[in-house]
Amino acid sequence: MFISAAYAQTAAGAASGSAGMAAIVQYAPLVLIVVVFYFLLIRPQQKQQKQLKARLSALKRGDKVVTAGGIVGLVKKTTDDSNEIDVEIAPNVTVSVVRSTISTVLTAAPADKK
């Protein structure tokens, strides 16, 4: 009697077109952050790893390398099918190093002039 009937609209009826847009606006910053991280962090790191892998597979005698432990040396012997490389770290001191522990190839060997 004193209370009149109140009818509420459903969510679909009130904002039928703006519900989809609200979801897009809500997730847009998260998607933008993921895209920025991909292009600023992930993609350059993948490119750098690809270049290092190519350099490691192309190692040859005379290349100057740095191991993961920080040892700088000169490649003395390498074979394509082997995982180990002989590196000279001091005059007449040669150590065998696993190819994957080389972190940087500093200089390539000078090309033979013919």
N, C-alpha and C. Protein backbone atom coordinates (compact mmCIF):
# COMPACT_ATOMS: atom_id res chain seq x y z
N MET A 1 0.78 -1.16 0.00
CA MET A 1 0.00 0.00 0.00
C MET A 1 0.84 1.25 0.00
N PHE A 2 1.68 1.37 1.00
CA PHE A 2 2.54 2.54 0.98
C PHE A 2 3.80 2.34 0.13
N ILE A 3 4.10 1.10 -0.12
CA ILE A 3 5.30 0.78 -0.88
C ILE A 3 4.88 0.47 -2.31
N SER A 4 5.44 1.20 -3.24
CA SER A 4 5.12 0.94 -4.63
C SER A 4 6.09 -0.12 -5.18
N ALA A 5 5.68 -0.77 -6.18
CA ALA A 5 6.52 -1.81 -6.78
C ALA A 5 7.64 -1.15 -7.57
N ALA A 6 8.86 -1.58 -7.35
CA ALA A 6 10.02 -1.06 -8.08
C ALA A 6 10.51 -2.16 -9.00
N TYR A 7 10.68 -1.79 -10.22
CA TYR A 7 11.14 -2.77 -11.21
C TYR A 7 12.56 -2.40 -11.62
N ALA A 8 13.46 -3.35 -11.45
CA ALA A 8 14.86 -3.12 -11.81
C ALA A 8 15.11 -3.65 -13.22
N GLN A 9 16.00 -2.97 -13.88
CA GLN A 9 16.37 -3.44 -15.20
C GLN A 9 17.45 -4.52 -15.06
N THR A 10 17.46 -5.41 -15.95
CA THR A 10 18.52 -6.43 -15.96
C THR A 10 19.79 -5.81 -16.54
N ALA A 11 20.89 -6.44 -16.30
CA ALA A 11 22.16 -5.92 -16.79
C ALA A 11 22.18 -5.86 -18.31
N ALA A 12 21.59 -6.83 -18.94
CA ALA A 12 21.57 -6.84 -20.40
C ALA A 12 20.68 -5.73 -20.94
N GLY A 13 19.62 -5.44 -20.25
CA GLY A 13 18.71 -4.40 -20.72
C GLY A 13 19.25 -3.01 -20.50
N ALA A 14 19.98 -2.80 -19.41
CA ALA A 14 20.48 -1.48 -19.07
C ALA A 14 21.64 -1.06 -19.97
N ALA A 15 22.56 -1.97 -20.19
CA ALA A 15 23.76 -1.60 -20.95
C ALA A 15 24.06 -2.70 -21.96
N SER A 16 23.21 -2.88 -22.88
CA SER A 16 23.39 -3.98 -23.82
C SER A 16 24.62 -3.76 -24.70
N GLY A 17 24.88 -2.56 -25.14
CA GLY A 17 26.02 -2.30 -26.01
C GLY A 17 27.28 -1.97 -25.25
N SER A 18 27.17 -1.42 -24.06
CA SER A 18 28.35 -0.99 -23.33
C SER A 18 28.97 -2.09 -22.47
N ALA A 19 28.33 -3.23 -22.31
CA ALA A 19 28.89 -4.32 -21.50
C ALA A 19 30.13 -4.90 -22.18
N GLY A 20 30.07 -5.10 -23.47
CA GLY A 20 31.22 -5.62 -24.20
C GLY A 20 32.36 -4.63 -24.23
N MET A 21 32.01 -3.37 -24.37
CA MET A 21 33.03 -2.32 -24.40
C MET A 21 33.70 -2.16 -23.04
N ALA A 22 32.95 -2.33 -21.98
CA ALA A 22 33.51 -2.21 -20.63
C ALA A 22 34.54 -3.31 -20.38
N ALA A 23 34.27 -4.50 -20.89
CA ALA A 23 35.22 -5.60 -20.70
C ALA A 23 36.51 -5.32 -21.47
N ILE A 24 36.39 -4.77 -22.66
CA ILE A 24 37.58 -4.44 -23.45
C ILE A 24 38.41 -3.37 -22.76
N VAL A 25 37.75 -2.35 -22.26
CA VAL A 25 38.44 -1.26 -21.57
C VAL A 25 39.09 -1.76 -20.28
N GLN A 26 38.47 -2.72 -19.64
CA GLN A 26 39.00 -3.24 -18.38
C GLN A 26 40.28 -4.04 -18.61
N TYR A 27 40.35 -4.81 -19.68
CA TYR A 27 41.52 -5.65 -19.95
C TYR A 27 42.56 -4.99 -20.86
N ALA A 28 42.28 -3.86 -21.42
CA ALA A 28 43.20 -3.18 -22.32
C ALA A 28 44.56 -2.85 -21.68
N PRO A 29 44.60 -2.31 -20.46
CA PRO A 29 45.92 -2.02 -19.86
C PRO A 29 46.77 -3.28 -19.65
N LEU A 30 46.13 -4.37 -19.27
CA LEU A 30 46.86 -5.61 -19.06
C LEU A 30 47.44 -6.12 -20.39
N VAL A 31 46.66 -6.07 -21.44
CA VAL A 31 47.13 -6.50 -22.76
C VAL A 31 48.26 -5.58 -23.23
N LEU A 32 48.12 -4.30 -23.00
CA LEU A 32 49.15 -3.34 -23.40
C LEU A 32 50.47 -3.61 -22.66
N ILE A 33 50.41 -3.93 -21.39
CA ILE A 33 51.62 -4.24 -20.61
C ILE A 33 52.30 -5.48 -21.15
N VAL A 34 51.52 -6.51 -21.48
CA VAL A 34 52.09 -7.74 -22.03
C VAL A 34 52.78 -7.46 -23.36
N VAL A 35 52.16 -6.67 -24.21
CA VAL A 35 52.74 -6.34 -25.52
C VAL A 35 54.03 -5.55 -25.36
N VAL A 36 54.05 -4.59 -24.45
CA VAL A 36 55.26 -3.79 -24.22
C VAL A 36 56.39 -4.66 -23.68
N PHE A 37 56.09 -5.55 -22.72
CA PHE A 37 57.11 -6.45 -22.20
C PHE A 37 57.66 -7.35 -23.29
N TYR A 38 56.81 -7.82 -24.17
CA TYR A 38 57.28 -8.68 -25.25
C TYR A 38 58.27 -7.95 -26.14
N PHE A 39 57.92 -6.75 -26.57
CA PHE A 39 58.79 -6.04 -27.51
C PHE A 39 60.03 -5.42 -26.85
N LEU A 40 59.97 -5.11 -25.57
CA LEU A 40 61.12 -4.49 -24.91
C LEU A 40 62.04 -5.49 -24.20
N LEU A 41 61.51 -6.63 -23.78
CA LEU A 41 62.33 -7.57 -23.01
C LEU A 41 62.49 -8.93 -23.67
N ILE A 42 61.41 -9.55 -24.02
CA ILE A 42 61.46 -10.94 -24.47
C ILE A 42 62.05 -11.06 -25.88
N ARG A 43 61.57 -10.27 -26.80
CA ARG A 43 62.02 -10.37 -28.20
C ARG A 43 63.52 -10.06 -28.37
N PRO A 44 64.05 -8.98 -27.76
CA PRO A 44 65.49 -8.74 -27.89
C PRO A 44 66.34 -9.85 -27.26
N GLN A 45 65.86 -10.42 -26.14
CA GLN A 45 66.61 -11.50 -25.50
C GLN A 45 66.64 -12.74 -26.39
N GLN A 46 65.53 -13.05 -27.04
CA GLN A 46 65.49 -14.19 -27.95
C GLN A 46 66.42 -13.96 -29.14
N LYS A 47 66.45 -12.74 -29.64
CA LYS A 47 67.32 -12.41 -30.77
C LYS A 47 68.79 -12.55 -30.38
N GLN A 48 69.14 -12.09 -29.18
CA GLN A 48 70.50 -12.18 -28.69
C GLN A 48 70.92 -13.64 -28.49
N GLN A 49 70.03 -14.46 -27.97
CA GLN A 49 70.33 -15.88 -27.79
C GLN A 49 70.53 -16.58 -29.13
N LYS A 50 69.74 -16.19 -30.11
CA LYS A 50 69.87 -16.77 -31.45
C LYS A 50 71.22 -16.42 -32.06
N GLN A 51 71.66 -15.17 -31.89
CA GLN A 51 72.96 -14.75 -32.41
C GLN A 51 74.10 -15.49 -31.72
N LEU A 52 74.01 -15.67 -30.39
CA LEU A 52 75.05 -16.38 -29.65
C LEU A 52 75.11 -17.83 -30.09
N LYS A 53 73.96 -18.45 -30.31
CA LYS A 53 73.94 -19.84 -30.76
C LYS A 53 74.60 -19.97 -32.13
N ALA A 54 74.35 -19.01 -33.01
CA ALA A 54 74.98 -19.04 -34.34
C ALA A 54 76.49 -18.85 -34.22
N ARG A 55 76.93 -17.96 -33.35
CA ARG A 55 78.37 -17.74 -33.16
C ARG A 55 79.05 -18.97 -32.56
N LEU A 56 78.36 -19.64 -31.62
CA LEU A 56 78.94 -20.84 -31.01
C LEU A 56 79.08 -21.97 -32.02
N SER A 57 78.12 -22.08 -32.91
CA SER A 57 78.21 -23.14 -33.91
C SER A 57 79.27 -22.82 -34.96
N ALA A 58 79.63 -21.54 -35.11
CA ALA A 58 80.63 -21.14 -36.10
C ALA A 58 82.01 -20.90 -35.48
N LEU A 59 82.23 -21.33 -34.25
CA LEU A 59 83.54 -21.13 -33.62
C LEU A 59 84.62 -21.86 -34.40
N LYS A 60 85.78 -21.22 -34.50
CA LYS A 60 86.90 -21.83 -35.18
C LYS A 60 88.19 -21.45 -34.46
N ARG A 61 89.25 -22.05 -34.87
CA ARG A 61 90.55 -21.80 -34.24
C ARG A 61 90.93 -20.33 -34.38
N GLY A 62 91.37 -19.73 -33.27
CA GLY A 62 91.80 -18.35 -33.28
C GLY A 62 90.76 -17.38 -32.74
N ASP A 63 89.54 -17.83 -32.51
CA ASP A 63 88.51 -16.95 -31.95
C ASP A 63 88.81 -16.70 -30.47
N LYS A 64 88.59 -15.48 -30.04
CA LYS A 64 88.76 -15.12 -28.63
C LYS A 64 87.40 -15.20 -27.96
N VAL A 65 87.32 -15.97 -26.85
CA VAL A 65 86.04 -16.22 -26.19
C VAL A 65 86.12 -15.94 -24.70
N VAL A 66 84.95 -15.74 -24.10
CA VAL A 66 84.82 -15.59 -22.65
C VAL A 66 83.88 -16.68 -22.16
N THR A 67 84.31 -17.44 -21.16
CA THR A 67 83.46 -18.49 -20.61
C THR A 67 82.50 -17.89 -19.58
N ALA A 68 81.54 -18.70 -19.15
CA ALA A 68 80.58 -18.24 -18.15
C ALA A 68 81.26 -17.93 -16.82
N GLY A 69 82.41 -18.54 -16.57
CA GLY A 69 83.17 -18.27 -15.35
C GLY A 69 84.03 -17.02 -15.43
N GLY A 70 84.06 -16.39 -16.61
CA GLY A 70 84.81 -15.16 -16.77
C GLY A 70 86.22 -15.36 -17.28
N ILE A 71 86.56 -16.55 -17.71
CA ILE A 71 87.89 -16.84 -18.23
C ILE A 71 87.95 -16.47 -19.70
N VAL A 72 88.94 -15.65 -20.05
CA VAL A 72 89.13 -15.23 -21.43
C VAL A 72 90.21 -16.11 -22.04
N GLY A 73 89.94 -16.62 -23.23
CA GLY A 73 90.92 -17.49 -23.86
C GLY A 73 90.80 -17.49 -25.36
N LEU A 74 91.72 -18.21 -25.98
CA LEU A 74 91.79 -18.30 -27.43
C LEU A 74 91.48 -19.75 -27.83
N VAL A 75 90.57 -19.93 -28.78
CA VAL A 75 90.19 -21.26 -29.21
C VAL A 75 91.36 -21.89 -29.96
N LYS A 76 91.77 -23.08 -29.50
CA LYS A 76 92.88 -23.79 -30.14
C LYS A 76 92.39 -24.95 -30.99
N LYS A 77 91.32 -25.62 -30.55
CA LYS A 77 90.85 -26.78 -31.29
C LYS A 77 89.35 -26.93 -31.09
N THR A 78 88.64 -27.18 -32.18
CA THR A 78 87.21 -27.41 -32.10
C THR A 78 86.80 -28.36 -33.22
N THR A 79 85.80 -29.14 -32.95
CA THR A 79 85.22 -30.00 -33.98
C THR A 79 83.72 -29.80 -33.97
N ASP A 80 83.11 -29.93 -35.14
CA ASP A 80 81.68 -29.66 -35.25
C ASP A 80 80.84 -30.67 -34.50
N ASP A 81 81.26 -31.93 -34.47
CA ASP A 81 80.44 -32.95 -33.83
C ASP A 81 80.68 -33.05 -32.33
N SER A 82 81.70 -32.39 -31.82
CA SER A 82 82.03 -32.46 -30.40
C SER A 82 81.40 -31.30 -29.63
N ASN A 83 81.12 -31.56 -28.37
CA ASN A 83 80.56 -30.53 -27.49
C ASN A 83 81.66 -29.80 -26.73
N GLU A 84 82.89 -30.27 -26.84
CA GLU A 84 84.01 -29.67 -26.11
C GLU A 84 84.94 -28.91 -27.06
N ILE A 85 85.51 -27.84 -26.51
CA ILE A 85 86.42 -26.98 -27.27
C ILE A 85 87.68 -26.81 -26.42
N ASP A 86 88.85 -26.87 -27.05
CA ASP A 86 90.10 -26.61 -26.34
C ASP A 86 90.39 -25.11 -26.43
N VAL A 87 90.56 -24.49 -25.25
CA VAL A 87 90.79 -23.05 -25.16
C VAL A 87 92.10 -22.81 -24.43
N GLU A 88 92.96 -21.98 -25.03
CA GLU A 88 94.22 -21.61 -24.39
C GLU A 88 93.97 -20.38 -23.52
N ILE A 89 94.18 -20.54 -22.20
CA ILE A 89 93.90 -19.43 -21.27
C ILE A 89 95.18 -18.71 -20.86
N ALA A 90 96.33 -19.32 -21.09
CA ALA A 90 97.64 -18.72 -20.82
C ALA A 90 98.62 -19.42 -21.76
N PRO A 91 99.81 -18.86 -21.93
CA PRO A 91 100.78 -19.53 -22.81
C PRO A 91 101.03 -20.97 -22.36
N ASN A 92 100.82 -21.91 -23.26
CA ASN A 92 101.02 -23.34 -23.02
C ASN A 92 100.08 -23.92 -21.96
N VAL A 93 98.96 -23.28 -21.70
CA VAL A 93 97.94 -23.80 -20.78
C VAL A 93 96.63 -23.89 -21.55
N THR A 94 96.23 -25.12 -21.85
CA THR A 94 95.03 -25.34 -22.62
C THR A 94 94.03 -26.12 -21.77
N VAL A 95 92.79 -25.65 -21.74
CA VAL A 95 91.73 -26.34 -21.01
C VAL A 95 90.64 -26.74 -21.99
N SER A 96 89.93 -27.78 -21.62
CA SER A 96 88.81 -28.24 -22.42
C SER A 96 87.54 -27.63 -21.83
N VAL A 97 86.76 -26.95 -22.67
CA VAL A 97 85.58 -26.22 -22.22
C VAL A 97 84.35 -26.74 -22.97
N VAL A 98 83.25 -26.87 -22.26
CA VAL A 98 82.00 -27.26 -22.90
C VAL A 98 81.49 -26.07 -23.70
N ARG A 99 81.07 -26.33 -24.92
CA ARG A 99 80.65 -25.28 -25.85
C ARG A 99 79.56 -24.37 -25.26
N SER A 100 78.62 -24.93 -24.50
CA SER A 100 77.50 -24.14 -23.98
C SER A 100 77.91 -23.20 -22.85
N THR A 101 79.12 -23.38 -22.28
CA THR A 101 79.55 -22.48 -21.21
C THR A 101 80.22 -21.22 -21.74
N ILE A 102 80.38 -21.11 -23.04
CA ILE A 102 80.95 -19.89 -23.62
C ILE A 102 79.84 -18.85 -23.69
N SER A 103 80.08 -17.71 -23.05
CA SER A 103 79.04 -16.68 -22.97
C SER A 103 79.21 -15.59 -24.01
N THR A 104 80.44 -15.36 -24.47
CA THR A 104 80.68 -14.29 -25.43
C THR A 104 81.80 -14.69 -26.39
N VAL A 105 81.62 -14.34 -27.64
CA VAL A 105 82.70 -14.48 -28.62
C VAL A 105 83.20 -13.06 -28.87
N LEU A 106 84.40 -12.76 -28.38
CA LEU A 106 84.91 -11.39 -28.44
C LEU A 106 85.34 -11.00 -29.85
N THR A 107 86.20 -11.79 -30.46
CA THR A 107 86.66 -11.48 -31.80
C THR A 107 86.71 -12.75 -32.61
N ALA A 108 86.39 -12.61 -33.86
CA ALA A 108 86.52 -13.75 -34.76
C ALA A 108 87.96 -13.80 -35.26
N ALA A 109 88.38 -14.97 -35.66
CA ALA A 109 89.74 -15.13 -36.18
C ALA A 109 89.86 -14.35 -37.48
N PRO A 110 91.02 -13.75 -37.73
CA PRO A 110 91.19 -13.02 -38.99
C PRO A 110 91.08 -13.98 -40.17
N ALA A 111 90.44 -13.53 -41.22
CA ALA A 111 90.24 -14.37 -42.39
C ALA A 111 91.57 -14.59 -43.10
N ASP A 112 91.77 -15.81 -43.58
CA ASP A 112 93.00 -16.13 -44.31
C ASP A 112 92.98 -15.42 -45.66
N LYS A 113 94.02 -14.69 -45.95
CA LYS A 113 94.11 -13.96 -47.22
C LYS A 113 94.74 -14.85 -48.25
N LYS A 114 94.08 -15.01 -49.36
CA LYS A 114 94.59 -15.88 -50.42
C LYS A 114 94.82 -15.09 -51.68
